[in-house]
């Protein structure tokens, strides 16, 4: 009832953790959090792997059409997700992945932003290091693994944070591609809890859920800084 007082109160009149107890006891909140963590975590790991592998030849190797390939990759950043949303949904249906966590993970497995970010980082590594590694007998993949990746720890950490928060915050795509409660993420769980007018909603539970959804992102930003 403190939510609807006028004027609004900054602090509740009867502070309590009952809303959190009810969330974990009477709702599938742990399932929502687990789904969000799995989707965000696996998508970030795939993003770091595929984006770094794609950025390496674009930054360090010479081949015909390299500039064109980079321009095409970067140009996809300008395409709004809503343009590819329906074809992507149909693809997930044809692959039999609708209502699975894979349908949430695969579209985030590689991003043009990640490729461009890591490409710029790899391109900034002095060529003398590459020549020294080649003289020492290092293969291109060993140079990539032992030199480029350690020197690019900062942009990779930045990409990790950005993609994790993006994956955790997704709303439109999970809403479209998941229809089973056991596949809902935390953000979709919050939306499903809002069922009608103010009087019909348990805002204490909704705001407690929002707080739980915020904590992993807040912790990641604090740790990364």
Protein backbone atom coordinates (compact mmCIF):
# COMPACT_ATOMS: atom_id res chain seq x y z
CA UNK A 1 0.00 0.00 0.00
CA UNK A 2 3.01 2.31 0.39
CA UNK A 3 3.29 2.37 -3.41
CA UNK A 4 -0.04 4.18 -3.78
CA UNK A 5 0.35 6.73 -0.97
CA UNK A 6 0.13 10.41 -1.88
CA UNK A 7 2.57 12.06 -1.62
CA UNK A 8 4.82 9.05 -2.28
CA UNK A 9 7.09 7.95 0.57
CA UNK A 10 10.80 7.50 0.00
CA UNK A 11 11.05 4.64 2.51
CA UNK A 12 8.46 1.92 3.21
CA UNK A 13 6.57 2.14 6.46
CA UNK A 14 7.14 -1.56 7.18
CA UNK A 15 10.37 -2.79 5.52
CA UNK A 16 10.26 -6.51 4.78
CA UNK A 17 11.92 -9.20 2.66
CA UNK A 18 8.64 -11.10 2.35
CA UNK A 19 8.38 -10.29 -1.36
CA UNK A 20 11.70 -12.05 -2.06
CA UNK A 21 10.64 -15.07 -0.02
CA UNK A 22 7.41 -15.34 -1.97
CA UNK A 23 9.24 -14.98 -5.27
CA UNK A 24 11.48 -17.95 -4.63
CA UNK A 25 8.81 -20.03 -2.88
CA UNK A 26 5.75 -19.42 -5.06
CA UNK A 27 7.04 -18.40 -8.50
CA UNK A 28 9.48 -19.80 -11.12
CA UNK A 29 11.92 -16.96 -10.46
CA UNK A 30 14.92 -19.28 -10.21
CA UNK A 31 14.04 -20.66 -13.65
CA UNK A 32 13.87 -17.15 -15.12
CA UNK A 33 17.23 -16.21 -13.62
CA UNK A 34 18.81 -19.49 -14.76
CA UNK A 35 17.55 -18.96 -18.31
CA UNK A 36 18.83 -15.39 -18.43
CA UNK A 37 22.23 -16.45 -17.07
CA UNK A 38 22.55 -19.33 -19.55
CA UNK A 39 21.49 -17.25 -22.55
CA UNK A 40 23.69 -14.28 -21.68
CA UNK A 41 26.69 -16.36 -20.60
CA UNK A 42 26.75 -18.77 -23.55
CA UNK A 43 26.03 -16.00 -26.05
CA UNK A 44 28.92 -13.92 -24.67
CA UNK A 45 31.36 -16.84 -24.82
CA UNK A 46 30.32 -17.64 -28.39
CA UNK A 47 30.60 -13.96 -29.27
CA UNK A 48 34.15 -13.71 -27.97
CA UNK A 49 35.16 -16.88 -29.82
CA UNK A 50 33.59 -16.20 -33.21
CA UNK A 51 34.21 -12.45 -33.28
CA UNK A 52 37.89 -12.85 -32.42
CA UNK A 53 38.33 -15.57 -35.07
CA UNK A 54 36.58 -13.38 -37.66
CA UNK A 55 38.50 -10.23 -36.65
CA UNK A 56 41.92 -11.88 -36.88
CA UNK A 57 42.11 -12.30 -40.70
CA UNK A 58 40.45 -8.93 -41.24
CA UNK A 59 43.17 -7.27 -39.15
CA UNK A 60 46.36 -9.25 -39.80
CA UNK A 61 46.02 -11.14 -43.09
CA UNK A 62 46.24 -9.88 -46.65
CA UNK A 63 43.69 -11.19 -49.13
CA UNK A 64 41.67 -9.87 -52.03
CA UNK A 65 38.48 -8.11 -50.98
CA UNK A 66 39.43 -7.70 -47.34
CA UNK A 67 38.26 -4.09 -47.27
CA UNK A 68 34.99 -5.01 -48.94
CA UNK A 69 34.34 -7.82 -46.44
CA UNK A 70 35.01 -5.44 -43.54
CA UNK A 71 32.73 -2.79 -45.06
CA UNK A 72 29.92 -5.33 -45.50
CA UNK A 73 30.31 -6.54 -41.91
CA UNK A 74 30.28 -3.02 -40.49
CA UNK A 75 27.34 -1.99 -42.68
CA UNK A 76 25.14 -4.62 -41.02
CA UNK A 77 25.33 -2.55 -37.82
CA UNK A 78 23.01 -0.08 -39.57
CA UNK A 79 20.27 -2.71 -40.09
CA UNK A 80 17.65 -2.55 -37.31
CA UNK A 81 16.83 -5.85 -35.66
CA UNK A 82 13.17 -5.41 -36.58
CA UNK A 83 14.11 -5.79 -40.27
CA UNK A 84 15.51 -9.32 -39.79
CA UNK A 85 13.27 -10.34 -36.91
CA UNK A 86 10.60 -12.15 -38.94
CA UNK A 87 13.02 -14.04 -41.25
CA UNK A 88 15.04 -15.01 -38.20
CA UNK A 89 11.91 -16.25 -36.45
CA UNK A 90 10.94 -18.35 -39.47
CA UNK A 91 14.45 -19.79 -39.56
CA UNK A 92 14.23 -20.79 -35.90
CA UNK A 93 10.86 -22.47 -36.58
CA UNK A 94 12.25 -24.38 -39.57
CA UNK A 95 15.22 -25.55 -37.49
CA UNK A 96 12.88 -26.70 -34.74
CA UNK A 97 14.46 -24.33 -32.22
CA UNK A 98 11.42 -22.29 -31.23
CA UNK A 99 10.75 -22.43 -27.49
CA UNK A 100 14.35 -23.41 -26.80
CA UNK A 101 17.21 -21.48 -25.27
CA UNK A 102 19.22 -22.07 -28.45
CA UNK A 103 16.84 -19.75 -30.28
CA UNK A 104 17.90 -17.01 -27.87
CA UNK A 105 21.62 -17.83 -27.96
CA UNK A 106 22.36 -18.42 -31.65
CA UNK A 107 21.34 -14.95 -32.96
CA UNK A 108 23.78 -13.41 -30.45
CA UNK A 109 26.65 -15.82 -31.15
CA UNK A 110 28.44 -13.28 -33.38
CA UNK A 111 27.91 -9.57 -33.86
CA UNK A 112 29.26 -7.05 -36.34
CA UNK A 113 30.07 -4.69 -33.47
CA UNK A 114 32.19 -7.35 -31.78
CA UNK A 115 34.06 -8.15 -35.00
CA UNK A 116 34.78 -4.48 -35.65
CA UNK A 117 35.84 -3.79 -32.06
CA UNK A 118 38.30 -6.69 -31.95
CA UNK A 119 39.52 -6.03 -35.48
CA UNK A 120 40.51 -2.51 -34.48
CA UNK A 121 42.30 -3.86 -31.43
CA UNK A 122 44.16 -6.56 -33.38
CA UNK A 123 45.16 -4.06 -36.08
CA UNK A 124 46.82 -1.86 -33.43
CA UNK A 125 49.32 -4.55 -32.42
CA UNK A 126 52.77 -3.65 -33.87
CA UNK A 127 53.78 -5.69 -36.90
CA UNK A 128 57.22 -6.20 -35.30
CA UNK A 129 55.63 -8.54 -32.76
CA UNK A 130 54.17 -10.64 -35.53
CA UNK A 131 57.50 -10.77 -37.36
CA UNK A 132 59.32 -11.76 -34.16
CA UNK A 133 56.77 -14.51 -33.49
CA UNK A 134 57.16 -15.80 -37.06
CA UNK A 135 60.96 -15.86 -36.73
CA UNK A 136 60.57 -17.87 -33.51
CA UNK A 137 58.53 -20.41 -35.42
CA UNK A 138 55.06 -19.46 -34.17
CA UNK A 139 52.20 -20.36 -36.48
CA UNK A 140 49.49 -17.79 -37.27
CA UNK A 141 47.11 -19.44 -34.79
CA UNK A 142 49.76 -19.50 -32.07
CA UNK A 143 50.44 -15.80 -32.64
CA UNK A 144 46.70 -15.24 -32.40
CA UNK A 145 46.38 -17.27 -29.20
CA UNK A 146 49.55 -16.26 -27.36
CA UNK A 147 50.05 -12.66 -28.50
CA UNK A 148 46.93 -11.04 -29.91
CA UNK A 149 44.40 -12.31 -27.37
CA UNK A 150 46.43 -11.36 -24.24
CA UNK A 151 47.16 -7.91 -25.69
CA UNK A 152 43.45 -7.43 -26.43
CA UNK A 153 42.20 -8.33 -22.96
CA UNK A 154 40.69 -4.88 -22.38
CA UNK A 155 38.51 -4.68 -25.52
CA UNK A 156 37.48 -8.30 -25.02
CA UNK A 157 36.43 -7.51 -21.46
CA UNK A 158 34.48 -4.52 -22.76
CA UNK A 159 32.78 -6.72 -25.35
CA UNK A 160 31.98 -9.25 -22.61
CA UNK A 161 30.24 -6.62 -20.48
CA UNK A 162 28.36 -5.03 -23.39
CA UNK A 163 27.10 -8.31 -24.81
CA UNK A 164 26.17 -9.77 -21.42
CA UNK A 165 24.07 -6.74 -20.52
CA UNK A 166 22.53 -6.69 -24.00
CA UNK A 167 21.64 -10.37 -23.79
CA UNK A 168 20.25 -10.03 -20.26
CA UNK A 169 18.10 -7.03 -21.22
CA UNK A 170 16.58 -8.51 -24.37
CA UNK A 171 12.82 -8.28 -24.46
CA UNK A 172 11.39 -8.28 -28.00
CA UNK A 173 13.17 -11.38 -29.35
CA UNK A 174 12.54 -13.64 -26.32
CA UNK A 175 8.92 -12.47 -26.31
CA UNK A 176 8.56 -13.52 -29.95
CA UNK A 177 10.43 -16.82 -29.97
CA UNK A 178 9.47 -18.31 -26.59
CA UNK A 179 5.96 -19.26 -25.55
CA UNK A 180 6.57 -21.64 -22.67
CA UNK A 181 7.00 -20.42 -19.12
CA UNK A 182 10.02 -22.65 -18.52
CA UNK A 183 11.83 -20.78 -21.34
CA UNK A 184 11.11 -17.26 -20.10
CA UNK A 185 13.98 -14.99 -19.17
CA UNK A 186 13.88 -12.60 -16.22
CA UNK A 187 12.77 -9.63 -18.32
CA UNK A 188 9.90 -11.62 -19.83
CA UNK A 189 9.03 -12.86 -16.35
CA UNK A 190 8.62 -9.28 -15.15
CA UNK A 191 6.34 -8.48 -18.07
CA UNK A 192 4.21 -11.57 -17.44
CA UNK A 193 3.70 -10.50 -13.84
CA UNK A 194 1.97 -7.30 -15.01
CA UNK A 195 -1.52 -8.59 -15.72
CA UNK A 196 -3.86 -5.62 -15.55
CA UNK A 197 -4.52 -2.36 -13.73
CA UNK A 198 -2.61 -1.14 -10.71
CA UNK A 199 -4.94 -2.87 -8.28
CA UNK A 200 -4.58 -6.26 -10.00
CA UNK A 201 -0.77 -6.32 -9.87
CA UNK A 202 1.40 -7.20 -6.90
CA UNK A 203 3.87 -4.40 -7.36
CA UNK A 204 5.98 -5.49 -4.42
CA UNK A 205 6.72 -8.78 -6.22
CA UNK A 206 7.25 -7.03 -9.55
CA UNK A 207 9.74 -4.54 -8.09
CA UNK A 208 11.52 -7.27 -6.16
CA UNK A 209 11.90 -9.16 -9.45
CA UNK A 210 13.23 -6.02 -11.12
CA UNK A 211 15.78 -5.68 -8.33
CA UNK A 212 16.92 -9.28 -8.78
CA UNK A 213 17.17 -8.71 -12.54
CA UNK A 214 19.34 -5.64 -11.98
CA UNK A 215 21.83 -7.18 -9.53
CA UNK A 216 23.83 -9.38 -11.99
CA UNK A 217 24.30 -6.47 -14.38
CA UNK A 218 25.28 -4.13 -11.57
CA UNK A 219 27.74 -6.67 -10.17
CA UNK A 220 29.30 -7.22 -13.61
CA UNK A 221 29.83 -3.49 -14.17
CA UNK A 222 31.30 -3.03 -10.68
CA UNK A 223 33.67 -5.97 -11.08
CA UNK A 224 34.75 -4.89 -14.57
CA UNK A 225 35.62 -1.40 -13.40
